[in-house]
Amino acid sequence: MTAAGPSKMDQRTMEGTLWHVLAGTKGGPNRARILRALDERPRNANQLADALDLDYKTVRHHLDVLREKNLVRRSGDDYGAIYLPTDRLRQCWDTCEEIIDSVS
């Protein structure tokens, strides 16, 4: 990665990851909703569940997937942990929005 932003290879890798996570799986639409909510402001899993009218365990599952793919990070521990987009995702947010719009 350069100071100006992600390399072309990083962008392609991120685009593939986003297509897989948001469009290639059954949980994609909920993951898209979670990412958009976290783009508005950092939240914990309970706040996300309430805001998106989803089951808490469902939200935790999706957050685990998003963390595994390095799309969100956690600040804090366990129940009260706050989630927010990673710098890697922020650098490619326009691509993320395009994919979310195309699958919504």
N, C-alpha and C. Protein backbone atom coordinates (compact mmCIF):
# COMPACT_ATOMS: atom_id res chain seq x y z
N MET A 1 0.84 -1.17 0.00
CA MET A 1 0.00 0.00 0.00
C MET A 1 0.89 1.23 0.00
N THR A 2 0.48 2.23 -0.74
CA THR A 2 1.23 3.48 -0.80
C THR A 2 0.57 4.51 0.10
N ALA A 3 1.27 5.62 0.31
CA ALA A 3 0.70 6.69 1.12
C ALA A 3 -0.55 7.27 0.46
N ALA A 4 -0.63 7.18 -0.86
CA ALA A 4 -1.78 7.71 -1.60
C ALA A 4 -3.01 6.83 -1.49
N GLY A 5 -2.85 5.60 -1.07
CA GLY A 5 -4.00 4.71 -0.95
C GLY A 5 -3.62 3.30 -1.30
N PRO A 6 -4.61 2.43 -1.38
CA PRO A 6 -4.32 1.03 -1.66
C PRO A 6 -3.83 0.82 -3.09
N SER A 7 -3.00 -0.18 -3.27
CA SER A 7 -2.53 -0.51 -4.61
C SER A 7 -3.67 -1.13 -5.41
N LYS A 8 -3.47 -1.24 -6.73
CA LYS A 8 -4.48 -1.88 -7.58
C LYS A 8 -4.76 -3.30 -7.13
N MET A 9 -3.71 -4.02 -6.72
CA MET A 9 -3.89 -5.39 -6.26
C MET A 9 -4.72 -5.43 -4.97
N ASP A 10 -4.43 -4.51 -4.04
CA ASP A 10 -5.22 -4.43 -2.81
C ASP A 10 -6.68 -4.13 -3.12
N GLN A 11 -6.91 -3.24 -4.08
CA GLN A 11 -8.28 -2.89 -4.46
C GLN A 11 -9.01 -4.10 -5.05
N ARG A 12 -8.34 -4.85 -5.90
CA ARG A 12 -8.98 -6.03 -6.51
C ARG A 12 -9.26 -7.09 -5.43
N THR A 13 -8.32 -7.27 -4.52
CA THR A 13 -8.53 -8.23 -3.44
C THR A 13 -9.71 -7.81 -2.59
N MET A 14 -9.77 -6.53 -2.23
CA MET A 14 -10.88 -6.03 -1.42
C MET A 14 -12.19 -6.16 -2.18
N GLU A 15 -12.19 -5.84 -3.47
CA GLU A 15 -13.42 -5.95 -4.25
C GLU A 15 -13.91 -7.40 -4.27
N GLY A 16 -13.02 -8.34 -4.45
CA GLY A 16 -13.40 -9.76 -4.43
C GLY A 16 -13.95 -10.17 -3.08
N THR A 17 -13.30 -9.71 -2.02
CA THR A 17 -13.77 -10.01 -0.67
C THR A 17 -15.17 -9.44 -0.45
N LEU A 18 -15.37 -8.21 -0.85
CA LEU A 18 -16.68 -7.58 -0.68
C LEU A 18 -17.77 -8.28 -1.48
N TRP A 19 -17.47 -8.65 -2.73
CA TRP A 19 -18.46 -9.38 -3.53
C TRP A 19 -18.83 -10.69 -2.84
N HIS A 20 -17.83 -11.39 -2.34
CA HIS A 20 -18.11 -12.67 -1.67
C HIS A 20 -18.95 -12.47 -0.42
N VAL A 21 -18.55 -11.55 0.43
CA VAL A 21 -19.20 -11.36 1.73
C VAL A 21 -20.59 -10.73 1.60
N LEU A 22 -20.77 -9.84 0.61
CA LEU A 22 -22.03 -9.12 0.50
C LEU A 22 -22.99 -9.68 -0.54
N ALA A 23 -22.46 -10.35 -1.55
CA ALA A 23 -23.34 -10.83 -2.63
C ALA A 23 -23.28 -12.34 -2.81
N GLY A 24 -22.24 -12.97 -2.33
CA GLY A 24 -22.05 -14.39 -2.60
C GLY A 24 -22.57 -15.33 -1.53
N THR A 25 -23.18 -14.78 -0.50
CA THR A 25 -23.68 -15.63 0.58
C THR A 25 -25.07 -15.18 1.00
N LYS A 26 -25.78 -16.07 1.65
CA LYS A 26 -27.14 -15.79 2.11
C LYS A 26 -27.20 -14.60 3.08
N GLY A 27 -26.16 -14.44 3.89
CA GLY A 27 -26.14 -13.37 4.88
C GLY A 27 -25.71 -12.03 4.35
N GLY A 28 -25.40 -11.94 3.07
CA GLY A 28 -24.91 -10.70 2.48
C GLY A 28 -25.74 -9.46 2.75
N PRO A 29 -27.06 -9.52 2.55
CA PRO A 29 -27.86 -8.32 2.79
C PRO A 29 -27.77 -7.81 4.23
N ASN A 30 -27.75 -8.71 5.20
CA ASN A 30 -27.61 -8.25 6.59
C ASN A 30 -26.21 -7.70 6.85
N ARG A 31 -25.20 -8.28 6.24
CA ARG A 31 -23.85 -7.75 6.40
C ARG A 31 -23.75 -6.35 5.79
N ALA A 32 -24.41 -6.15 4.67
CA ALA A 32 -24.44 -4.83 4.05
C ALA A 32 -25.10 -3.82 4.99
N ARG A 33 -26.19 -4.20 5.61
CA ARG A 33 -26.88 -3.31 6.55
C ARG A 33 -25.99 -2.99 7.74
N ILE A 34 -25.27 -3.98 8.21
CA ILE A 34 -24.35 -3.77 9.34
C ILE A 34 -23.24 -2.80 8.96
N LEU A 35 -22.65 -2.99 7.78
CA LEU A 35 -21.58 -2.09 7.35
C LEU A 35 -22.09 -0.66 7.20
N ARG A 36 -23.25 -0.49 6.65
CA ARG A 36 -23.80 0.86 6.51
C ARG A 36 -24.06 1.49 7.88
N ALA A 37 -24.57 0.70 8.81
CA ALA A 37 -24.82 1.22 10.16
C ALA A 37 -23.51 1.62 10.83
N LEU A 38 -22.47 0.81 10.65
CA LEU A 38 -21.18 1.14 11.25
C LEU A 38 -20.51 2.32 10.55
N ASP A 39 -20.85 2.55 9.30
CA ASP A 39 -20.34 3.72 8.60
C ASP A 39 -20.92 4.99 9.21
N GLU A 40 -22.16 4.91 9.68
CA GLU A 40 -22.81 6.06 10.33
C GLU A 40 -22.12 6.39 11.65
N ARG A 41 -21.88 5.34 12.46
CA ARG A 41 -21.19 5.52 13.74
C ARG A 41 -20.85 4.16 14.31
N PRO A 42 -19.77 4.09 15.09
CA PRO A 42 -19.41 2.82 15.74
C PRO A 42 -20.53 2.40 16.71
N ARG A 43 -20.73 1.09 16.81
CA ARG A 43 -21.78 0.56 17.70
C ARG A 43 -21.34 -0.79 18.23
N ASN A 44 -21.98 -1.21 19.32
CA ASN A 44 -21.74 -2.57 19.79
C ASN A 44 -22.80 -3.49 19.18
N ALA A 45 -22.65 -4.78 19.39
CA ALA A 45 -23.55 -5.76 18.77
C ALA A 45 -25.00 -5.55 19.20
N ASN A 46 -25.21 -5.22 20.44
CA ASN A 46 -26.58 -5.01 20.93
C ASN A 46 -27.21 -3.79 20.27
N GLN A 47 -26.45 -2.72 20.12
CA GLN A 47 -26.96 -1.52 19.45
C GLN A 47 -27.29 -1.82 17.99
N LEU A 48 -26.43 -2.60 17.34
CA LEU A 48 -26.70 -2.99 15.95
C LEU A 48 -27.97 -3.83 15.86
N ALA A 49 -28.12 -4.80 16.76
CA ALA A 49 -29.30 -5.66 16.75
C ALA A 49 -30.57 -4.82 16.90
N ASP A 50 -30.54 -3.87 17.82
CA ASP A 50 -31.71 -3.00 18.03
C ASP A 50 -31.97 -2.12 16.81
N ALA A 51 -30.92 -1.49 16.30
CA ALA A 51 -31.07 -0.55 15.18
C ALA A 51 -31.55 -1.24 13.91
N LEU A 52 -31.11 -2.48 13.70
CA LEU A 52 -31.42 -3.20 12.46
C LEU A 52 -32.54 -4.22 12.62
N ASP A 53 -33.09 -4.31 13.84
CA ASP A 53 -34.15 -5.27 14.15
C ASP A 53 -33.73 -6.70 13.78
N LEU A 54 -32.53 -7.07 14.24
CA LEU A 54 -31.99 -8.41 14.03
C LEU A 54 -31.72 -9.07 15.37
N ASP A 55 -31.69 -10.38 15.38
CA ASP A 55 -31.35 -11.13 16.57
C ASP A 55 -29.89 -10.85 16.94
N TYR A 56 -29.63 -10.72 18.23
CA TYR A 56 -28.28 -10.44 18.72
C TYR A 56 -27.28 -11.48 18.24
N LYS A 57 -27.64 -12.77 18.31
CA LYS A 57 -26.71 -13.82 17.88
C LYS A 57 -26.44 -13.75 16.38
N THR A 58 -27.41 -13.35 15.62
CA THR A 58 -27.24 -13.18 14.18
C THR A 58 -26.23 -12.06 13.91
N VAL A 59 -26.39 -10.96 14.62
CA VAL A 59 -25.46 -9.83 14.46
C VAL A 59 -24.05 -10.26 14.84
N ARG A 60 -23.92 -10.98 15.95
CA ARG A 60 -22.58 -11.43 16.37
C ARG A 60 -21.94 -12.33 15.31
N HIS A 61 -22.73 -13.21 14.73
CA HIS A 61 -22.21 -14.08 13.66
C HIS A 61 -21.68 -13.24 12.50
N HIS A 62 -22.49 -12.29 12.05
CA HIS A 62 -22.08 -11.46 10.91
C HIS A 62 -20.86 -10.61 11.25
N LEU A 63 -20.79 -10.11 12.46
CA LEU A 63 -19.62 -9.34 12.89
C LEU A 63 -18.37 -10.22 12.89
N ASP A 64 -18.52 -11.47 13.31
CA ASP A 64 -17.38 -12.40 13.28
C ASP A 64 -16.89 -12.61 11.86
N VAL A 65 -17.81 -12.78 10.92
CA VAL A 65 -17.44 -12.95 9.51
C VAL A 65 -16.74 -11.69 9.00
N LEU A 66 -17.29 -10.54 9.30
CA LEU A 66 -16.71 -9.28 8.83
C LEU A 66 -15.33 -9.04 9.45
N ARG A 67 -15.16 -9.44 10.70
CA ARG A 67 -13.83 -9.32 11.34
C ARG A 67 -12.84 -10.29 10.70
N GLU A 68 -13.28 -11.50 10.44
CA GLU A 68 -12.41 -12.50 9.82
C GLU A 68 -11.89 -12.03 8.46
N LYS A 69 -12.71 -11.27 7.75
CA LYS A 69 -12.35 -10.76 6.42
C LYS A 69 -11.67 -9.40 6.50
N ASN A 70 -11.39 -8.94 7.72
CA ASN A 70 -10.70 -7.67 7.94
C ASN A 70 -11.49 -6.48 7.40
N LEU A 71 -12.80 -6.52 7.58
CA LEU A 71 -13.66 -5.43 7.14
C LEU A 71 -14.09 -4.56 8.31
N VAL A 72 -14.21 -5.15 9.48
CA VAL A 72 -14.50 -4.39 10.70
C VAL A 72 -13.51 -4.81 11.78
N ARG A 73 -13.34 -3.91 12.72
CA ARG A 73 -12.49 -4.22 13.87
C ARG A 73 -13.27 -3.94 15.14
N ARG A 74 -12.79 -4.54 16.21
CA ARG A 74 -13.46 -4.42 17.51
C ARG A 74 -12.59 -3.59 18.43
N SER A 75 -13.22 -2.72 19.17
CA SER A 75 -12.53 -1.94 20.18
C SER A 75 -13.19 -2.25 21.52
N GLY A 76 -12.45 -2.87 22.40
CA GLY A 76 -13.00 -3.28 23.69
C GLY A 76 -13.18 -4.78 23.72
N ASP A 77 -13.74 -5.26 24.80
CA ASP A 77 -13.88 -6.70 25.00
C ASP A 77 -15.33 -7.12 25.16
N ASP A 78 -15.61 -8.31 24.68
CA ASP A 78 -16.86 -9.02 24.90
C ASP A 78 -18.10 -8.20 24.62
N TYR A 79 -19.06 -8.23 25.55
CA TYR A 79 -20.40 -7.70 25.33
C TYR A 79 -20.41 -6.24 24.89
N GLY A 80 -19.63 -5.39 25.52
CA GLY A 80 -19.67 -3.97 25.23
C GLY A 80 -18.75 -3.52 24.12
N ALA A 81 -18.08 -4.44 23.45
CA ALA A 81 -17.13 -4.08 22.40
C ALA A 81 -17.81 -3.26 21.31
N ILE A 82 -17.13 -2.24 20.87
CA ILE A 82 -17.61 -1.39 19.80
C ILE A 82 -16.96 -1.85 18.49
N TYR A 83 -17.74 -1.88 17.43
CA TYR A 83 -17.25 -2.29 16.11
C TYR A 83 -17.22 -1.08 15.19
N LEU A 84 -16.21 -1.05 14.34
CA LEU A 84 -16.09 0.02 13.37
C LEU A 84 -15.35 -0.50 12.13
N PRO A 85 -15.57 0.16 10.99
CA PRO A 85 -14.89 -0.27 9.77
C PRO A 85 -13.37 -0.17 9.91
N THR A 86 -12.66 -1.10 9.30
CA THR A 86 -11.20 -1.04 9.30
C THR A 86 -10.74 0.05 8.34
N ASP A 87 -9.49 0.47 8.51
CA ASP A 87 -8.91 1.45 7.58
C ASP A 87 -8.91 0.88 6.17
N ARG A 88 -8.67 -0.42 6.06
CA ARG A 88 -8.65 -1.09 4.74
C ARG A 88 -10.01 -0.92 4.05
N LEU A 89 -11.09 -1.10 4.78
CA LEU A 89 -12.42 -0.93 4.19
C LEU A 89 -12.68 0.54 3.89
N ARG A 90 -12.31 1.41 4.77
CA ARG A 90 -12.52 2.86 4.55
C ARG A 90 -11.86 3.32 3.25
N GLN A 91 -10.68 2.78 2.96
CA GLN A 91 -9.97 3.18 1.74
C GLN A 91 -10.69 2.74 0.49
N CYS A 92 -11.56 1.76 0.60
CA CYS A 92 -12.30 1.23 -0.55
C CYS A 92 -13.81 1.41 -0.37
N TRP A 93 -14.20 2.39 0.43
CA TRP A 93 -15.62 2.53 0.77
C TRP A 93 -16.49 2.77 -0.47
N ASP A 94 -15.99 3.50 -1.46
CA ASP A 94 -16.79 3.74 -2.67
C ASP A 94 -17.13 2.42 -3.35
N THR A 95 -16.17 1.51 -3.41
CA THR A 95 -16.40 0.19 -4.00
C THR A 95 -17.42 -0.58 -3.17
N CYS A 96 -17.29 -0.49 -1.86
CA CYS A 96 -18.25 -1.16 -0.96
C CYS A 96 -19.66 -0.64 -1.23
N GLU A 97 -19.83 0.66 -1.31
CA GLU A 97 -21.14 1.26 -1.57
C GLU A 97 -21.71 0.79 -2.91
N GLU A 98 -20.87 0.73 -3.94
CA GLU A 98 -21.33 0.28 -5.26
C GLU A 98 -21.84 -1.16 -5.18
N ILE A 99 -21.12 -2.01 -4.46
CA ILE A 99 -21.53 -3.42 -4.34
C ILE A 99 -22.81 -3.52 -3.54
N ILE A 100 -22.89 -2.79 -2.44
CA ILE A 100 -24.12 -2.81 -1.63
C ILE A 100 -25.30 -2.34 -2.48
N ASP A 101 -25.13 -1.26 -3.23
CA ASP A 101 -26.22 -0.75 -4.07
C ASP A 101 -26.63 -1.77 -5.13
N SER A 102 -25.68 -2.50 -5.66
CA SER A 102 -25.99 -3.45 -6.72
C SER A 102 -26.71 -4.70 -6.21
N VAL A 103 -26.55 -5.01 -4.93
CA VAL A 103 -27.20 -6.22 -4.38
C VAL A 103 -28.44 -5.89 -3.55
N SER A 104 -28.69 -4.60 -3.31
CA SER A 104 -29.86 -4.21 -2.48
C SER A 104 -31.12 -4.19 -3.30
